[in-house]
């Protein structure tokens, strides 16, 4: 753990404005390391590290999917549950434009654009989750019920074991 203070990001501002208690966790970011690296660095189960994935439907309308770090999203099942033809990941530069965050540092809190948010149902059963705080190498620990209170996400069941 590096001794520096947690960064101030649009995500941490959002959490403060909404009165959401969170812990700050900085770690050494590794390009393409993903949740495997963050869970190892923070010594937490990868299942409790939540990925913020920016996707789009067939009309290029963006949405965010929150998924366990050790799972993948069934985009077919997601499209079915959302009632659209198809859902696919956005290109990184498109995702950056929608959220205002760099891919690898995308948080569902404090995004530039307001987008629909979907959360994998089993995430809500966890006692504590670690989710990006708006910068590469920075996660915040929060309670899933606070995530629901702040974001009012649509609950979906689209996880595929990674």
C-alpha atoms as a PDB file:
ATOM      1  CA  UNK A   1       0.000   0.000   0.000  1.00  0.00           C
ATOM      2  CA  UNK A   2       1.420   3.344  -0.991  1.00  0.00           C
ATOM      3  CA  UNK A   3       1.300   6.025   1.704  1.00  0.00           C
ATOM      4  CA  UNK A   4      -0.206   8.721  -0.536  1.00  0.00           C
ATOM      5  CA  UNK A   5      -3.733  10.023  -0.005  1.00  0.00           C
ATOM      6  CA  UNK A   6      -6.628   8.760  -2.068  1.00  0.00           C
ATOM      7  CA  UNK A   7      -7.217  10.855  -5.179  1.00  0.00           C
ATOM      8  CA  UNK A   8     -10.158  13.224  -5.487  1.00  0.00           C
ATOM      9  CA  UNK A   9     -12.140  12.028  -8.536  1.00  0.00           C
ATOM     10  CA  UNK A  10     -15.656  12.632  -9.892  1.00  0.00           C
ATOM     11  CA  UNK A  11     -16.480   9.236  -8.322  1.00  0.00           C
ATOM     12  CA  UNK A  12     -15.291  10.146  -4.795  1.00  0.00           C
ATOM     13  CA  UNK A  13     -17.100  13.503  -5.065  1.00  0.00           C
ATOM     14  CA  UNK A  14     -20.290  11.643  -6.030  1.00  0.00           C
ATOM     15  CA  UNK A  15     -19.913   9.239  -3.077  1.00  0.00           C
ATOM     16  CA  UNK A  16     -19.418  12.144  -0.673  1.00  0.00           C
ATOM     17  CA  UNK A  17     -22.363  14.111  -2.087  1.00  0.00           C
ATOM     18  CA  UNK A  18     -24.586  11.046  -1.650  1.00  0.00           C
ATOM     19  CA  UNK A  19     -23.313  10.363   1.878  1.00  0.00           C
ATOM     20  CA  UNK A  20     -21.912   6.952   0.972  1.00  0.00           C
ATOM     21  CA  UNK A  21     -19.329   5.530   3.341  1.00  0.00           C
ATOM     22  CA  UNK A  22     -16.401   4.028   1.460  1.00  0.00           C
ATOM     23  CA  UNK A  23     -12.847   2.872   2.066  1.00  0.00           C
ATOM     24  CA  UNK A  24     -10.030   3.889  -0.300  1.00  0.00           C
ATOM     25  CA  UNK A  25      -7.651   1.309  -1.751  1.00  0.00           C
ATOM     26  CA  UNK A  26      -4.681   2.320  -3.892  1.00  0.00           C
ATOM     27  CA  UNK A  27      -2.587  -0.280  -5.683  1.00  0.00           C
ATOM     28  CA  UNK A  28       0.020  -0.509  -8.423  1.00  0.00           C
ATOM     29  CA  UNK A  29      -1.994  -0.514 -11.665  1.00  0.00           C
ATOM     30  CA  UNK A  30      -0.898  -2.999 -14.342  1.00  0.00           C
ATOM     31  CA  UNK A  31      -1.954  -2.481 -17.966  1.00  0.00           C
ATOM     32  CA  UNK A  32      -4.480  -5.233 -18.904  1.00  0.00           C
ATOM     33  CA  UNK A  33      -4.137  -6.741 -15.413  1.00  0.00           C
ATOM     34  CA  UNK A  34      -7.796  -6.199 -14.615  1.00  0.00           C
ATOM     35  CA  UNK A  35      -9.470  -7.455 -11.473  1.00  0.00           C
ATOM     36  CA  UNK A  36      -6.943 -10.300 -11.155  1.00  0.00           C
ATOM     37  CA  UNK A  37      -4.258  -7.721 -10.285  1.00  0.00           C
ATOM     38  CA  UNK A  38      -6.420  -5.500  -8.059  1.00  0.00           C
ATOM     39  CA  UNK A  39      -7.754  -8.478  -6.062  1.00  0.00           C
ATOM     40  CA  UNK A  40      -4.202  -9.792  -5.601  1.00  0.00           C
ATOM     41  CA  UNK A  41      -2.842  -6.364  -4.607  1.00  0.00           C
ATOM     42  CA  UNK A  42      -5.680  -5.707  -2.123  1.00  0.00           C
ATOM     43  CA  UNK A  43      -5.710  -9.331  -0.954  1.00  0.00           C
ATOM     44  CA  UNK A  44      -9.463  -9.709  -1.528  1.00  0.00           C
ATOM     45  CA  UNK A  45     -11.500 -12.309  -3.418  1.00  0.00           C
ATOM     46  CA  UNK A  46     -11.723 -11.434  -7.121  1.00  0.00           C
ATOM     47  CA  UNK A  47     -15.466 -12.229  -6.898  1.00  0.00           C
ATOM     48  CA  UNK A  48     -15.861  -9.137  -4.641  1.00  0.00           C
ATOM     49  CA  UNK A  49     -13.969  -6.863  -7.060  1.00  0.00           C
ATOM     50  CA  UNK A  50     -16.607  -5.411  -9.357  1.00  0.00           C
ATOM     51  CA  UNK A  51     -15.875  -4.478 -12.969  1.00  0.00           C
ATOM     52  CA  UNK A  52     -17.547  -1.407 -14.469  1.00  0.00           C
ATOM     53  CA  UNK A  53     -18.167  -2.312 -18.112  1.00  0.00           C
ATOM     54  CA  UNK A  54     -19.384   0.229 -20.640  1.00  0.00           C
ATOM     55  CA  UNK A  55     -21.520  -1.386 -23.336  1.00  0.00           C
ATOM     56  CA  UNK A  56     -23.905  -0.208 -26.013  1.00  0.00           C
ATOM     57  CA  UNK A  57     -27.066  -1.533 -27.606  1.00  0.00           C
ATOM     58  CA  UNK A  58     -27.770  -1.814 -31.339  1.00  0.00           C
ATOM     59  CA  UNK A  59     -28.577   1.919 -31.510  1.00  0.00           C
ATOM     60  CA  UNK A  60     -25.190   2.749 -29.886  1.00  0.00           C
ATOM     61  CA  UNK A  61     -26.985   3.870 -26.690  1.00  0.00           C
ATOM     62  CA  UNK A  62     -24.489   3.374 -23.836  1.00  0.00           C
ATOM     63  CA  UNK A  63     -25.101   1.489 -20.603  1.00  0.00           C
ATOM     64  CA  UNK A  64     -22.999   0.307 -17.698  1.00  0.00           C
ATOM     65  CA  UNK A  65     -22.846  -3.287 -16.494  1.00  0.00           C
ATOM     66  CA  UNK A  66     -21.453  -4.081 -13.043  1.00  0.00           C
ATOM     67  CA  UNK A  67     -20.044  -7.602 -12.922  1.00  0.00           C
ATOM     68  CA  UNK A  68     -17.967  -9.793 -10.598  1.00  0.00           C
ATOM     69  CA  UNK A  69     -14.273  -9.623 -11.460  1.00  0.00           C
ATOM     70  CA  UNK A  70     -14.112 -13.386 -11.991  1.00  0.00           C
ATOM     71  CA  UNK A  71     -17.120 -13.514 -14.353  1.00  0.00           C
ATOM     72  CA  UNK A  72     -17.958 -12.498 -17.892  1.00  0.00           C
ATOM     73  CA  UNK A  73     -21.189 -10.945 -19.166  1.00  0.00           C
ATOM     74  CA  UNK A  74     -23.494 -12.949 -21.420  1.00  0.00           C
ATOM     75  CA  UNK A  75     -24.267 -10.120 -23.849  1.00  0.00           C
ATOM     76  CA  UNK A  76     -26.984 -12.263 -25.504  1.00  0.00           C
ATOM     77  CA  UNK A  77     -28.735 -12.784 -22.177  1.00  0.00           C
ATOM     78  CA  UNK A  78     -28.256  -9.115 -21.241  1.00  0.00           C
ATOM     79  CA  UNK A  79     -29.870  -7.967 -24.518  1.00  0.00           C
ATOM     80  CA  UNK A  80     -32.767 -10.372 -23.853  1.00  0.00           C
ATOM     81  CA  UNK A  81     -33.273  -9.069 -20.287  1.00  0.00           C
ATOM     82  CA  UNK A  82     -33.106  -5.441 -21.470  1.00  0.00           C
ATOM     83  CA  UNK A  83     -35.403  -6.059 -24.422  1.00  0.00           C
ATOM     84  CA  UNK A  84     -32.971  -4.955 -27.110  1.00  0.00           C
ATOM     85  CA  UNK A  85     -31.527  -6.720 -30.165  1.00  0.00           C
ATOM     86  CA  UNK A  86     -27.893  -6.816 -29.106  1.00  0.00           C
ATOM     87  CA  UNK A  87     -25.449  -5.470 -26.556  1.00  0.00           C
ATOM     88  CA  UNK A  88     -21.703  -5.260 -27.054  1.00  0.00           C
ATOM     89  CA  UNK A  89     -18.764  -3.594 -25.314  1.00  0.00           C
ATOM     90  CA  UNK A  90     -18.009  -0.020 -26.412  1.00  0.00           C
ATOM     91  CA  UNK A  91     -14.642   0.760 -27.952  1.00  0.00           C
ATOM     92  CA  UNK A  92     -12.321   2.148 -25.228  1.00  0.00           C
ATOM     93  CA  UNK A  93     -12.284   5.679 -26.690  1.00  0.00           C
ATOM     94  CA  UNK A  94     -16.115   5.679 -26.872  1.00  0.00           C
ATOM     95  CA  UNK A  95     -16.358   4.409 -23.284  1.00  0.00           C
ATOM     96  CA  UNK A  96     -13.950   7.173 -22.173  1.00  0.00           C
ATOM     97  CA  UNK A  97     -16.154   9.789 -23.888  1.00  0.00           C
ATOM     98  CA  UNK A  98     -19.355   8.520 -22.234  1.00  0.00           C
ATOM     99  CA  UNK A  99     -17.924   8.224 -18.730  1.00  0.00           C
ATOM    100  CA  UNK A 100     -15.166  10.834 -18.559  1.00  0.00           C
ATOM    101  CA  UNK A 101     -12.926   8.107 -17.090  1.00  0.00           C
ATOM    102  CA  UNK A 102     -10.041   6.235 -18.702  1.00  0.00           C
ATOM    103  CA  UNK A 103     -10.736   2.555 -19.346  1.00  0.00           C
ATOM    104  CA  UNK A 104      -9.116   0.704 -16.439  1.00  0.00           C
ATOM    105  CA  UNK A 105     -10.262   3.540 -14.178  1.00  0.00           C
ATOM    106  CA  UNK A 106     -13.980   3.561 -14.997  1.00  0.00           C
ATOM    107  CA  UNK A 107     -16.311   4.064 -12.060  1.00  0.00           C
ATOM    108  CA  UNK A 108     -20.119   3.864 -12.174  1.00  0.00           C
ATOM    109  CA  UNK A 109     -20.168   6.915  -9.862  1.00  0.00           C
ATOM    110  CA  UNK A 110     -19.857  10.439 -11.213  1.00  0.00           C
ATOM    111  CA  UNK A 111     -19.894   9.568 -14.921  1.00  0.00           C
ATOM    112  CA  UNK A 112     -19.980  12.433 -17.412  1.00  0.00           C
ATOM    113  CA  UNK A 113     -23.213  11.129 -18.972  1.00  0.00           C
ATOM    114  CA  UNK A 114     -26.042   9.553 -17.018  1.00  0.00           C
ATOM    115  CA  UNK A 115     -26.493   6.038 -18.384  1.00  0.00           C
ATOM    116  CA  UNK A 116     -28.670   3.096 -17.419  1.00  0.00           C
ATOM    117  CA  UNK A 117     -26.801   0.817 -15.013  1.00  0.00           C
ATOM    118  CA  UNK A 118     -27.242  -2.938 -14.703  1.00  0.00           C
ATOM    119  CA  UNK A 119     -25.911  -4.913 -11.759  1.00  0.00           C
ATOM    120  CA  UNK A 120     -25.452  -8.670 -11.577  1.00  0.00           C
ATOM    121  CA  UNK A 121     -27.946  -9.933  -8.973  1.00  0.00           C
ATOM    122  CA  UNK A 122     -25.406 -11.981  -6.943  1.00  0.00           C
ATOM    123  CA  UNK A 123     -23.280  -8.850  -6.333  1.00  0.00           C
ATOM    124  CA  UNK A 124     -26.033  -7.669  -3.995  1.00  0.00           C
ATOM    125  CA  UNK A 125     -25.471 -10.741  -1.773  1.00  0.00           C
ATOM    126  CA  UNK A 126     -21.872  -9.753  -0.971  1.00  0.00           C
ATOM    127  CA  UNK A 127     -21.116  -8.070   2.381  1.00  0.00           C
ATOM    128  CA  UNK A 128     -18.656  -5.615   0.801  1.00  0.00           C
ATOM    129  CA  UNK A 129     -17.620  -4.863  -2.763  1.00  0.00           C
ATOM    130  CA  UNK A 130     -14.568  -3.189  -4.247  1.00  0.00           C
ATOM    131  CA  UNK A 131     -15.300  -1.033  -7.261  1.00  0.00           C
ATOM    132  CA  UNK A 132     -13.291   1.482  -9.247  1.00  0.00           C
ATOM    133  CA  UNK A 133     -12.911   4.881  -7.627  1.00  0.00           C
ATOM    134  CA  UNK A 134     -12.417   6.761 -10.893  1.00  0.00           C
ATOM    135  CA  UNK A 135      -8.707   6.264 -11.480  1.00  0.00           C
ATOM    136  CA  UNK A 136      -6.453   3.409 -12.551  1.00  0.00           C
ATOM    137  CA  UNK A 137      -5.048   1.717  -9.455  1.00  0.00           C
ATOM    138  CA  UNK A 138      -7.774   3.024  -7.145  1.00  0.00           C
ATOM    139  CA  UNK A 139     -10.732   1.043  -5.794  1.00  0.00           C
ATOM    140  CA  UNK A 140     -13.320   2.007  -3.196  1.00  0.00           C
ATOM    141  CA  UNK A 141     -14.881  -0.484  -0.792  1.00  0.00           C
ATOM    142  CA  UNK A 142     -18.631   0.011  -0.359  1.00  0.00           C
ATOM    143  CA  UNK A 143     -21.701  -1.918   0.726  1.00  0.00           C
ATOM    144  CA  UNK A 144     -23.843  -3.178  -2.178  1.00  0.00           C
ATOM    145  CA  UNK A 145     -27.012  -1.640  -0.660  1.00  0.00           C
ATOM    146  CA  UNK A 146     -25.316   1.806  -0.916  1.00  0.00           C
ATOM    147  CA  UNK A 147     -24.597   1.112  -4.582  1.00  0.00           C
ATOM    148  CA  UNK A 148     -28.303   0.361  -5.124  1.00  0.00           C
ATOM    149  CA  UNK A 149     -29.358   3.478  -3.182  1.00  0.00           C
ATOM    150  CA  UNK A 150     -27.022   5.764  -5.161  1.00  0.00           C
ATOM    151  CA  UNK A 151     -27.423   4.327  -8.664  1.00  0.00           C
ATOM    152  CA  UNK A 152     -30.856   2.605  -8.743  1.00  0.00           C
ATOM    153  CA  UNK A 153     -29.489  -0.046 -11.120  1.00  0.00           C
ATOM    154  CA  UNK A 154     -31.554  -2.639 -12.989  1.00  0.00           C
ATOM    155  CA  UNK A 155     -30.841  -6.050 -11.467  1.00  0.00           C
ATOM    156  CA  UNK A 156     -29.920  -8.644 -14.102  1.00  0.00           C
ATOM    157  CA  UNK A 157     -28.702 -12.254 -14.149  1.00  0.00           C
ATOM    158  CA  UNK A 158     -26.147 -12.426 -16.951  1.00  0.00           C
ATOM    159  CA  UNK A 159     -22.964 -13.771 -15.314  1.00  0.00           C
ATOM    160  CA  UNK A 160     -20.848 -16.406 -17.018  1.00  0.00           C
ATOM    161  CA  UNK A 161     -18.082 -17.958 -14.957  1.00  0.00           C
ATOM    162  CA  UNK A 162     -14.846 -16.402 -16.235  1.00  0.00           C
END
